């Protein structure tokens, strides 16, 4: 079930193994604050929001207003949704299921 990843490397494997070890939101904040700049976290967060809005069939104009993302960023995310490795789809589907399921 693996994909031919363009970013596959031993360094990427080590990074993703580290991310998979994070246990909760606080640990995520602590780790990403150390490993990324504020701008990098903001950019990644913005792209995820753009993907969610594209999946909701929002227009580029609406997405620009909501996220302040450039049309170039919106277009790049859209290309990933259409032609990418389905990473956005995978996580957005899981997040949607999580938010729609009753809390324990």
PDB file of N, CA and C in Angstrom:
ATOM      1  N   UNK A   1       0.822  -1.193   0.000  1.00  0.00           N
ATOM      2  CA  UNK A   1       0.000   0.000   0.000  1.00  0.00           C
ATOM      3  C   UNK A   1       0.867   1.258   0.000  1.00  0.00           C
ATOM      4  N   UNK A   2       2.154   1.110  -0.182  1.00  0.00           N
ATOM      5  CA  UNK A   2       3.047   2.254  -0.185  1.00  0.00           C
ATOM      6  C   UNK A   2       2.928   3.060  -1.468  1.00  0.00           C
ATOM      7  N   UNK A   3       3.401   4.285  -1.404  1.00  0.00           N
ATOM      8  CA  UNK A   3       3.404   5.146  -2.577  1.00  0.00           C
ATOM      9  C   UNK A   3       4.834   5.451  -2.963  1.00  0.00           C
ATOM     10  N   UNK A   4       5.025   5.877  -4.182  1.00  0.00           N
ATOM     11  CA  UNK A   4       6.333   6.336  -4.638  1.00  0.00           C
ATOM     12  C   UNK A   4       6.472   7.789  -4.213  1.00  0.00           C
ATOM     13  N   UNK A   5       7.010   8.026  -3.045  1.00  0.00           N
ATOM     14  CA  UNK A   5       7.112   9.379  -2.511  1.00  0.00           C
ATOM     15  C   UNK A   5       8.310  10.119  -3.089  1.00  0.00           C
ATOM     16  N   UNK A   6       8.087  11.384  -3.409  1.00  0.00           N
ATOM     17  CA  UNK A   6       9.154  12.239  -3.911  1.00  0.00           C
ATOM     18  C   UNK A   6      10.065  12.721  -2.786  1.00  0.00           C
ATOM     19  N   UNK A   7       9.604  12.597  -1.553  1.00  0.00           N
ATOM     20  CA  UNK A   7      10.381  13.108  -0.414  1.00  0.00           C
ATOM     21  C   UNK A   7      11.013  12.001   0.422  1.00  0.00           C
ATOM     22  N   UNK A   8      10.836  10.762  -0.016  1.00  0.00           N
ATOM     23  CA  UNK A   8      11.341   9.609   0.749  1.00  0.00           C
ATOM     24  C   UNK A   8      12.846   9.682   0.924  1.00  0.00           C
ATOM     25  N   UNK A   9      13.266   9.586   2.177  1.00  0.00           N
ATOM     26  CA  UNK A   9      14.691   9.541   2.509  1.00  0.00           C
ATOM     27  C   UNK A   9      14.821   9.057   3.945  1.00  0.00           C
ATOM     28  N   UNK A  10      16.024   8.712   4.327  1.00  0.00           N
ATOM     29  CA  UNK A  10      16.250   8.288   5.711  1.00  0.00           C
ATOM     30  C   UNK A  10      15.958   9.435   6.678  1.00  0.00           C
ATOM     31  N   UNK A  11      16.348  10.661   6.302  1.00  0.00           N
ATOM     32  CA  UNK A  11      16.073  11.809   7.164  1.00  0.00           C
ATOM     33  C   UNK A  11      14.575  12.037   7.329  1.00  0.00           C
ATOM     34  N   UNK A  12      13.824  11.923   6.240  1.00  0.00           N
ATOM     35  CA  UNK A  12      12.372  12.085   6.320  1.00  0.00           C
ATOM     36  C   UNK A  12      11.765  10.973   7.177  1.00  0.00           C
ATOM     37  N   UNK A  13      12.248   9.743   7.005  1.00  0.00           N
ATOM     38  CA  UNK A  13      11.767   8.634   7.834  1.00  0.00           C
ATOM     39  C   UNK A  13      11.966   8.940   9.321  1.00  0.00           C
ATOM     40  N   UNK A  14      13.135   9.456   9.664  1.00  0.00           N
ATOM     41  CA  UNK A  14      13.431   9.778  11.069  1.00  0.00           C
ATOM     42  C   UNK A  14      12.520  10.888  11.579  1.00  0.00           C
ATOM     43  N   UNK A  15      12.265  11.887  10.755  1.00  0.00           N
ATOM     44  CA  UNK A  15      11.351  12.961  11.146  1.00  0.00           C
ATOM     45  C   UNK A  15       9.953  12.415  11.391  1.00  0.00           C
ATOM     46  N   UNK A  16       9.441  11.618  10.459  1.00  0.00           N
ATOM     47  CA  UNK A  16       8.085  11.102  10.588  1.00  0.00           C
ATOM     48  C   UNK A  16       7.960  10.126  11.756  1.00  0.00           C
ATOM     49  N   UNK A  17       9.001   9.341  12.018  1.00  0.00           N
ATOM     50  CA  UNK A  17       8.999   8.474  13.203  1.00  0.00           C
ATOM     51  C   UNK A  17       8.881   9.322  14.474  1.00  0.00           C
ATOM     52  N   UNK A  18       9.604  10.432  14.511  1.00  0.00           N
ATOM     53  CA  UNK A  18       9.540  11.333  15.670  1.00  0.00           C
ATOM     54  C   UNK A  18       8.136  11.907  15.819  1.00  0.00           C
ATOM     55  N   UNK A  19       7.541  12.342  14.714  1.00  0.00           N
ATOM     56  CA  UNK A  19       6.184  12.916  14.768  1.00  0.00           C
ATOM     57  C   UNK A  19       5.182  11.879  15.260  1.00  0.00           C
ATOM     58  N   UNK A  20       5.337  10.644  14.806  1.00  0.00           N
ATOM     59  CA  UNK A  20       4.424   9.580  15.233  1.00  0.00           C
ATOM     60  C   UNK A  20       4.527   9.265  16.729  1.00  0.00           C
ATOM     61  N   UNK A  21       5.608   9.683  17.359  1.00  0.00           N
ATOM     62  CA  UNK A  21       5.775   9.474  18.798  1.00  0.00           C
ATOM     63  C   UNK A  21       5.059  10.527  19.650  1.00  0.00           C
ATOM     64  N   UNK A  22       4.597  11.612  19.046  1.00  0.00           N
ATOM     65  CA  UNK A  22       3.909  12.662  19.795  1.00  0.00           C
ATOM     66  C   UNK A  22       2.578  12.132  20.308  1.00  0.00           C
ATOM     67  N   UNK A  23       2.283  12.424  21.567  1.00  0.00           N
ATOM     68  CA  UNK A  23       1.124  11.818  22.218  1.00  0.00           C
ATOM     69  C   UNK A  23      -0.106  12.719  22.292  1.00  0.00           C
ATOM     70  N   UNK A  24       0.070  14.040  22.316  1.00  0.00           N
ATOM     71  CA  UNK A  24      -1.076  14.934  22.458  1.00  0.00           C
ATOM     72  C   UNK A  24      -0.754  16.309  21.878  1.00  0.00           C
ATOM     73  N   UNK A  25      -1.745  17.195  21.934  1.00  0.00           N
ATOM     74  CA  UNK A  25      -1.606  18.529  21.350  1.00  0.00           C
ATOM     75  C   UNK A  25      -0.451  19.306  21.981  1.00  0.00           C
ATOM     76  N   UNK A  26      -0.296  19.224  23.289  1.00  0.00           N
ATOM     77  CA  UNK A  26       0.793  19.949  23.959  1.00  0.00           C
ATOM     78  C   UNK A  26       2.155  19.488  23.444  1.00  0.00           C
ATOM     79  N   UNK A  27       2.330  18.178  23.289  1.00  0.00           N
ATOM     80  CA  UNK A  27       3.598  17.662  22.758  1.00  0.00           C
ATOM     81  C   UNK A  27       3.822  18.145  21.327  1.00  0.00           C
ATOM     82  N   UNK A  28       2.755  18.218  20.547  1.00  0.00           N
ATOM     83  CA  UNK A  28       2.878  18.729  19.170  1.00  0.00           C
ATOM     84  C   UNK A  28       3.349  20.177  19.186  1.00  0.00           C
ATOM     85  N   UNK A  29       2.715  20.997  20.010  1.00  0.00           N
ATOM     86  CA  UNK A  29       3.135  22.395  20.095  1.00  0.00           C
ATOM     87  C   UNK A  29       4.592  22.498  20.517  1.00  0.00           C
ATOM     88  N   UNK A  30       4.994  21.737  21.508  1.00  0.00           N
ATOM     89  CA  UNK A  30       6.376  21.808  21.998  1.00  0.00           C
ATOM     90  C   UNK A  30       7.374  21.400  20.916  1.00  0.00           C
ATOM     91  N   UNK A  31       7.081  20.296  20.240  1.00  0.00           N
ATOM     92  CA  UNK A  31       7.991  19.793  19.214  1.00  0.00           C
ATOM     93  C   UNK A  31       8.069  20.740  18.019  1.00  0.00           C
ATOM     94  N   UNK A  32       6.902  21.141  17.498  1.00  0.00           N
ATOM     95  CA  UNK A  32       6.904  21.978  16.301  1.00  0.00           C
ATOM     96  C   UNK A  32       7.428  23.384  16.578  1.00  0.00           C
ATOM     97  N   UNK A  33       7.260  23.874  17.799  1.00  0.00           N
ATOM     98  CA  UNK A  33       7.844  25.169  18.135  1.00  0.00           C
ATOM     99  C   UNK A  33       9.367  25.100  18.093  1.00  0.00           C
ATOM    100  N   UNK A  34       9.920  23.957  18.465  1.00  0.00           N
ATOM    101  CA  UNK A  34      11.376  23.786  18.425  1.00  0.00           C
ATOM    102  C   UNK A  34      11.899  23.492  17.017  1.00  0.00           C
ATOM    103  N   UNK A  35      11.156  22.705  16.243  1.00  0.00           N
ATOM    104  CA  UNK A  35      11.694  22.227  14.963  1.00  0.00           C
ATOM    105  C   UNK A  35      11.369  23.148  13.782  1.00  0.00           C
ATOM    106  N   UNK A  36      10.332  23.958  13.894  1.00  0.00           N
ATOM    107  CA  UNK A  36       9.916  24.840  12.802  1.00  0.00           C
ATOM    108  C   UNK A  36       9.932  26.295  13.260  1.00  0.00           C
ATOM    109  N   UNK A  37      10.021  27.184  12.282  1.00  0.00           N
ATOM    110  CA  UNK A  37       9.812  28.591  12.599  1.00  0.00           C
ATOM    111  C   UNK A  37       8.311  28.829  12.723  1.00  0.00           C
ATOM    112  N   UNK A  38       7.956  29.947  13.311  1.00  0.00           N
ATOM    113  CA  UNK A  38       6.539  30.300  13.420  1.00  0.00           C
ATOM    114  C   UNK A  38       5.922  30.383  12.030  1.00  0.00           C
ATOM    115  N   UNK A  39       6.633  30.989  11.090  1.00  0.00           N
ATOM    116  CA  UNK A  39       6.132  31.142   9.713  1.00  0.00           C
ATOM    117  C   UNK A  39       5.909  29.786   9.048  1.00  0.00           C
ATOM    118  N   UNK A  40       6.801  28.819   9.300  1.00  0.00           N
ATOM    119  CA  UNK A  40       6.638  27.485   8.712  1.00  0.00           C
ATOM    120  C   UNK A  40       5.384  26.802   9.239  1.00  0.00           C
ATOM    121  N   UNK A  41       5.145  26.885  10.545  1.00  0.00           N
ATOM    122  CA  UNK A  41       3.939  26.285  11.125  1.00  0.00           C
ATOM    123  C   UNK A  41       2.700  26.992  10.585  1.00  0.00           C
ATOM    124  N   UNK A  42       2.762  28.323  10.494  1.00  0.00           N
ATOM    125  CA  UNK A  42       1.628  29.078   9.954  1.00  0.00           C
ATOM    126  C   UNK A  42       1.355  28.689   8.499  1.00  0.00           C
ATOM    127  N   UNK A  43       2.399  28.518   7.703  1.00  0.00           N
ATOM    128  CA  UNK A  43       2.231  28.159   6.295  1.00  0.00           C
ATOM    129  C   UNK A  43       1.607  26.768   6.146  1.00  0.00           C
ATOM    130  N   UNK A  44       2.089  25.816   6.925  1.00  0.00           N
ATOM    131  CA  UNK A  44       1.537  24.460   6.875  1.00  0.00           C
ATOM    132  C   UNK A  44       0.080  24.464   7.332  1.00  0.00           C
ATOM    133  N   UNK A  45      -0.204  25.202   8.399  1.00  0.00           N
ATOM    134  CA  UNK A  45      -1.573  25.305   8.919  1.00  0.00           C
ATOM    135  C   UNK A  45      -2.498  25.931   7.891  1.00  0.00           C
ATOM    136  N   UNK A  46      -2.002  26.975   7.231  1.00  0.00           N
ATOM    137  CA  UNK A  46      -2.784  27.658   6.209  1.00  0.00           C
ATOM    138  C   UNK A  46      -3.111  26.709   5.055  1.00  0.00           C
ATOM    139  N   UNK A  47      -2.128  25.924   4.623  1.00  0.00           N
ATOM    140  CA  UNK A  47      -2.357  24.985   3.516  1.00  0.00           C
ATOM    141  C   UNK A  47      -3.413  23.946   3.870  1.00  0.00           C
ATOM    142  N   UNK A  48      -3.386  23.464   5.108  1.00  0.00           N
ATOM    143  CA  UNK A  48      -4.391  22.489   5.535  1.00  0.00           C
ATOM    144  C   UNK A  48      -5.785  23.117   5.516  1.00  0.00           C
ATOM    145  N   UNK A  49      -5.894  24.353   5.985  1.00  0.00           N
ATOM    146  CA  UNK A  49      -7.189  25.058   5.961  1.00  0.00           C
ATOM    147  C   UNK A  49      -7.644  25.276   4.526  1.00  0.00           C
ATOM    148  N   UNK A  50      -6.728  25.662   3.645  1.00  0.00           N
ATOM    149  CA  UNK A  50      -7.056  25.843   2.224  1.00  0.00           C
ATOM    150  C   UNK A  50      -7.588  24.529   1.647  1.00  0.00           C
ATOM    151  N   UNK A  51      -6.925  23.427   1.940  1.00  0.00           N
ATOM    152  CA  UNK A  51      -7.374  22.115   1.436  1.00  0.00           C
ATOM    153  C   UNK A  51      -8.782  21.800   1.925  1.00  0.00           C
ATOM    154  N   UNK A  52      -9.032  22.083   3.186  1.00  0.00           N
ATOM    155  CA  UNK A  52     -10.365  21.825   3.748  1.00  0.00           C
ATOM    156  C   UNK A  52     -11.414  22.657   3.032  1.00  0.00           C
ATOM    157  N   UNK A  53     -11.125  23.926   2.805  1.00  0.00           N
ATOM    158  CA  UNK A  53     -12.080  24.800   2.134  1.00  0.00           C
ATOM    159  C   UNK A  53     -12.279  24.403   0.669  1.00  0.00           C
ATOM    160  N   UNK A  54     -11.211  23.980   0.004  1.00  0.00           N
ATOM    161  CA  UNK A  54     -11.350  23.487  -1.371  1.00  0.00           C
ATOM    162  C   UNK A  54     -12.233  22.241  -1.402  1.00  0.00           C
ATOM    163  N   UNK A  55     -12.060  21.368  -0.435  1.00  0.00           N
ATOM    164  CA  UNK A  55     -12.884  20.161  -0.373  1.00  0.00           C
ATOM    165  C   UNK A  55     -14.355  20.512  -0.139  1.00  0.00           C
ATOM    166  N   UNK A  56     -14.568  21.655   0.526  1.00  0.00           N
ATOM    167  CA  UNK A  56     -15.939  22.131   0.774  1.00  0.00           C
ATOM    168  C   UNK A  56     -16.474  22.934  -0.417  1.00  0.00           C
ATOM    169  N   UNK A  57     -15.705  22.939  -1.522  1.00  0.00           N
ATOM    170  CA  UNK A  57     -16.089  23.631  -2.762  1.00  0.00           C
ATOM    171  C   UNK A  57     -16.203  25.145  -2.616  1.00  0.00           C
ATOM    172  N   UNK A  58     -15.418  25.724  -1.727  1.00  0.00           N
ATOM    173  CA  UNK A  58     -15.356  27.181  -1.611  1.00  0.00           C
ATOM    174  C   UNK A  58     -14.602  27.733  -2.820  1.00  0.00           C
ATOM    175  N   UNK A  59     -14.900  28.965  -3.182  1.00  0.00           N
ATOM    176  CA  UNK A  59     -14.217  29.591  -4.309  1.00  0.00           C
ATOM    177  C   UNK A  59     -12.848  30.105  -3.862  1.00  0.00           C
ATOM    178  N   UNK A  60     -11.976  30.332  -4.850  1.00  0.00           N
ATOM    179  CA  UNK A  60     -10.656  30.895  -4.548  1.00  0.00           C
ATOM    180  C   UNK A  60     -10.816  32.222  -3.818  1.00  0.00           C
ATOM    181  N   UNK A  61     -11.779  33.037  -4.244  1.00  0.00           N
ATOM    182  CA  UNK A  61     -12.001  34.349  -3.617  1.00  0.00           C
ATOM    183  C   UNK A  61     -12.378  34.180  -2.149  1.00  0.00           C
ATOM    184  N   UNK A  62     -13.288  33.259  -1.864  1.00  0.00           N
ATOM    185  CA  UNK A  62     -13.677  33.000  -0.471  1.00  0.00           C
ATOM    186  C   UNK A  62     -12.484  32.503   0.346  1.00  0.00           C
ATOM    187  N   UNK A  63     -11.708  31.598  -0.244  1.00  0.00           N
ATOM    188  CA  UNK A  63     -10.560  31.023   0.455  1.00  0.00           C
ATOM    189  C   UNK A  63      -9.525  32.105   0.743  1.00  0.00           C
ATOM    190  N   UNK A  64      -9.292  33.006  -0.227  1.00  0.00           N
ATOM    191  CA  UNK A  64      -8.365  34.126  -0.008  1.00  0.00           C
ATOM    192  C   UNK A  64      -8.812  34.979   1.173  1.00  0.00           C
ATOM    193  N   UNK A  65     -10.116  35.283   1.221  1.00  0.00           N
ATOM    194  CA  UNK A  65     -10.656  36.117   2.307  1.00  0.00           C
ATOM    195  C   UNK A  65     -10.527  35.436   3.666  1.00  0.00           C
ATOM    196  N   UNK A  66     -10.796  34.146   3.705  1.00  0.00           N
ATOM    197  CA  UNK A  66     -10.784  33.405   4.974  1.00  0.00           C
ATOM    198  C   UNK A  66      -9.364  33.163   5.476  1.00  0.00           C
ATOM    199  N   UNK A  67      -8.465  32.761   4.570  1.00  0.00           N
ATOM    200  CA  UNK A  67      -7.126  32.309   4.989  1.00  0.00           C
ATOM    201  C   UNK A  67      -6.004  33.304   4.715  1.00  0.00           C
ATOM    202  N   UNK A  68      -6.280  34.286   3.866  1.00  0.00           N
ATOM    203  CA  UNK A  68      -5.246  35.239   3.407  1.00  0.00           C
ATOM    204  C   UNK A  68      -4.150  34.540   2.601  1.00  0.00           C
ATOM    205  N   UNK A  69      -4.462  33.368   2.069  1.00  0.00           N
ATOM    206  CA  UNK A  69      -3.515  32.647   1.217  1.00  0.00           C
ATOM    207  C   UNK A  69      -3.519  33.274  -0.168  1.00  0.00           C
ATOM    208  N   UNK A  70      -2.370  33.222  -0.820  1.00  0.00           N
ATOM    209  CA  UNK A  70      -2.281  33.727  -2.189  1.00  0.00           C
ATOM    210  C   UNK A  70      -2.970  32.745  -3.139  1.00  0.00           C
ATOM    211  N   UNK A  71      -3.316  33.238  -4.315  1.00  0.00           N
ATOM    212  CA  UNK A  71      -3.918  32.337  -5.306  1.00  0.00           C
ATOM    213  C   UNK A  71      -2.915  31.261  -5.720  1.00  0.00           C
ATOM    214  N   UNK A  72      -1.619  31.585  -5.679  1.00  0.00           N
ATOM    215  CA  UNK A  72      -0.596  30.585  -6.002  1.00  0.00           C
ATOM    216  C   UNK A  72      -0.629  29.443  -4.989  1.00  0.00           C
ATOM    217  N   UNK A  73      -0.764  29.772  -3.702  1.00  0.00           N
ATOM    218  CA  UNK A  73      -0.843  28.744  -2.658  1.00  0.00           C
ATOM    219  C   UNK A  73      -2.116  27.925  -2.826  1.00  0.00           C
ATOM    220  N   UNK A  74      -3.222  28.599  -3.070  1.00  0.00           N
ATOM    221  CA  UNK A  74      -4.497  27.892  -3.247  1.00  0.00           C
ATOM    222  C   UNK A  74      -4.409  26.946  -4.443  1.00  0.00           C
ATOM    223  N   UNK A  75      -3.825  27.430  -5.527  1.00  0.00           N
ATOM    224  CA  UNK A  75      -3.669  26.612  -6.724  1.00  0.00           C
ATOM    225  C   UNK A  75      -2.774  25.406  -6.463  1.00  0.00           C
ATOM    226  N   UNK A  76      -1.674  25.617  -5.743  1.00  0.00           N
ATOM    227  CA  UNK A  76      -0.750  24.514  -5.425  1.00  0.00           C
ATOM    228  C   UNK A  76      -1.450  23.450  -4.578  1.00  0.00           C
ATOM    229  N   UNK A  77      -2.211  23.892  -3.580  1.00  0.00           N
ATOM    230  CA  UNK A  77      -2.947  22.936  -2.735  1.00  0.00           C
ATOM    231  C   UNK A  77      -3.988  22.196  -3.573  1.00  0.00           C
ATOM    232  N   UNK A  78      -4.659  22.927  -4.461  1.00  0.00           N
ATOM    233  CA  UNK A  78      -5.652  22.293  -5.320  1.00  0.00           C
ATOM    234  C   UNK A  78      -5.019  21.227  -6.210  1.00  0.00           C
ATOM    235  N   UNK A  79      -3.837  21.528  -6.756  1.00  0.00           N
ATOM    236  CA  UNK A  79      -3.123  20.518  -7.576  1.00  0.00           C
ATOM    237  C   UNK A  79      -2.826  19.274  -6.745  1.00  0.00           C
ATOM    238  N   UNK A  80      -2.431  19.481  -5.493  1.00  0.00           N
ATOM    239  CA  UNK A  80      -2.164  18.328  -4.617  1.00  0.00           C
ATOM    240  C   UNK A  80      -3.430  17.523  -4.367  1.00  0.00           C
ATOM    241  N   UNK A  81      -4.549  18.201  -4.186  1.00  0.00           N
ATOM    242  CA  UNK A  81      -5.815  17.498  -3.966  1.00  0.00           C
ATOM    243  C   UNK A  81      -6.201  16.677  -5.195  1.00  0.00           C
ATOM    244  N   UNK A  82      -5.923  17.201  -6.375  1.00  0.00           N
ATOM    245  CA  UNK A  82      -6.324  16.527  -7.614  1.00  0.00           C
ATOM    246  C   UNK A  82      -5.298  15.487  -8.056  1.00  0.00           C
ATOM    247  N   UNK A  83      -4.017  15.860  -8.002  1.00  0.00           N
ATOM    248  CA  UNK A  83      -2.972  15.007  -8.584  1.00  0.00           C
ATOM    249  C   UNK A  83      -1.963  14.464  -7.572  1.00  0.00           C
ATOM    250  N   UNK A  84      -2.127  14.799  -6.302  1.00  0.00           N
ATOM    251  CA  UNK A  84      -1.118  14.452  -5.308  1.00  0.00           C
ATOM    252  C   UNK A  84      -1.224  13.029  -4.784  1.00  0.00           C
ATOM    253  N   UNK A  85      -0.617  12.810  -3.656  1.00  0.00           N
ATOM    254  CA  UNK A  85      -0.522  11.481  -3.041  1.00  0.00           C
ATOM    255  C   UNK A  85      -1.706  11.162  -2.127  1.00  0.00           C
ATOM    256  N   UNK A  86      -2.742  11.994  -2.161  1.00  0.00           N
ATOM    257  CA  UNK A  86      -3.960  11.824  -1.346  1.00  0.00           C
ATOM    258  C   UNK A  86      -3.724  12.026   0.147  1.00  0.00           C
ATOM    259  N   UNK A  87      -2.633  12.694   0.495  1.00  0.00           N
ATOM    260  CA  UNK A  87      -2.357  12.972   1.903  1.00  0.00           C
ATOM    261  C   UNK A  87      -3.372  13.914   2.530  1.00  0.00           C
ATOM    262  N   UNK A  88      -3.726  14.980   1.795  1.00  0.00           N
ATOM    263  CA  UNK A  88      -4.751  15.896   2.306  1.00  0.00           C
ATOM    264  C   UNK A  88      -6.072  15.155   2.495  1.00  0.00           C
ATOM    265  N   UNK A  89      -6.466  14.404   1.479  1.00  0.00           N
ATOM    266  CA  UNK A  89      -7.742  13.670   1.541  1.00  0.00           C
ATOM    267  C   UNK A  89      -7.762  12.723   2.731  1.00  0.00           C
ATOM    268  N   UNK A  90      -6.675  12.004   2.926  1.00  0.00           N
ATOM    269  CA  UNK A  90      -6.575  11.057   4.031  1.00  0.00           C
ATOM    270  C   UNK A  90      -6.832  11.743   5.376  1.00  0.00           C
ATOM    271  N   UNK A  91      -6.121  12.838   5.619  1.00  0.00           N
ATOM    272  CA  UNK A  91      -6.237  13.470   6.922  1.00  0.00           C
ATOM    273  C   UNK A  91      -7.535  14.246   7.063  1.00  0.00           C
ATOM    274  N   UNK A  92      -8.001  14.884   5.989  1.00  0.00           N
ATOM    275  CA  UNK A  92      -9.265  15.619   6.077  1.00  0.00           C
ATOM    276  C   UNK A  92     -10.435  14.670   6.314  1.00  0.00           C
ATOM    277  N   UNK A  93     -10.416  13.507   5.688  1.00  0.00           N
ATOM    278  CA  UNK A  93     -11.462  12.504   5.939  1.00  0.00           C
ATOM    279  C   UNK A  93     -11.436  12.044   7.394  1.00  0.00           C
ATOM    280  N   UNK A  94     -10.248  11.797   7.917  1.00  0.00           N
ATOM    281  CA  UNK A  94     -10.141  11.364   9.324  1.00  0.00           C
ATOM    282  C   UNK A  94     -10.614  12.451  10.278  1.00  0.00           C
ATOM    283  N   UNK A  95     -10.226  13.685  10.004  1.00  0.00           N
ATOM    284  CA  UNK A  95     -10.657  14.799  10.862  1.00  0.00           C
ATOM    285  C   UNK A  95     -12.170  14.985  10.802  1.00  0.00           C
ATOM    286  N   UNK A  96     -12.756  14.818   9.619  1.00  0.00           N
ATOM    287  CA  UNK A  96     -14.210  14.950   9.466  1.00  0.00           C
ATOM    288  C   UNK A  96     -14.929  13.858  10.249  1.00  0.00           C
ATOM    289  N   UNK A  97     -14.418  12.638  10.156  1.00  0.00           N
ATOM    290  CA  UNK A  97     -15.022  11.529  10.910  1.00  0.00           C
ATOM    291  C   UNK A  97     -14.928  11.771  12.410  1.00  0.00           C
ATOM    292  N   UNK A  98     -13.758  12.262  12.838  1.00  0.00           N
ATOM    293  CA  UNK A  98     -13.526  12.533  14.257  1.00  0.00           C
ATOM    294  C   UNK A  98     -14.498  13.603  14.758  1.00  0.00           C
ATOM    295  N   UNK A  99     -14.705  14.654  13.982  1.00  0.00           N
ATOM    296  CA  UNK A  99     -15.568  15.752  14.434  1.00  0.00           C
ATOM    297  C   UNK A  99     -17.037  15.387  14.361  1.00  0.00           C
ATOM    298  N   UNK A 100     -17.396  14.414  13.502  1.00  0.00           N
ATOM    299  CA  UNK A 100     -18.796  14.026  13.391  1.00  0.00           C
ATOM    300  C   UNK A 100     -19.182  12.880  14.328  1.00  0.00           C
ATOM    301  N   UNK A 101     -18.180  12.213  14.911  1.00  0.00           N
ATOM    302  CA  UNK A 101     -18.511  11.103  15.820  1.00  0.00           C
ATOM    303  C   UNK A 101     -18.777  11.657  17.219  1.00  0.00           C
ATOM    304  N   UNK A 102     -19.708  11.012  17.947  1.00  0.00           N
ATOM    305  CA  UNK A 102     -20.036  11.481  19.293  1.00  0.00           C
ATOM    306  C   UNK A 102     -18.827  11.338  20.218  1.00  0.00           C
ATOM    307  N   UNK A 103     -18.646  12.318  21.081  1.00  0.00           N
ATOM    308  CA  UNK A 103     -17.512  12.254  22.032  1.00  0.00           C
ATOM    309  C   UNK A 103     -17.768  11.232  23.119  1.00  0.00           C
ATOM    310  N   UNK A 104     -16.685  10.676  23.587  1.00  0.00           N
ATOM    311  CA  UNK A 104     -16.787   9.655  24.650  1.00  0.00           C
ATOM    312  C   UNK A 104     -16.900  10.322  25.980  1.00  0.00           C
TER     313      UNK A 104
END
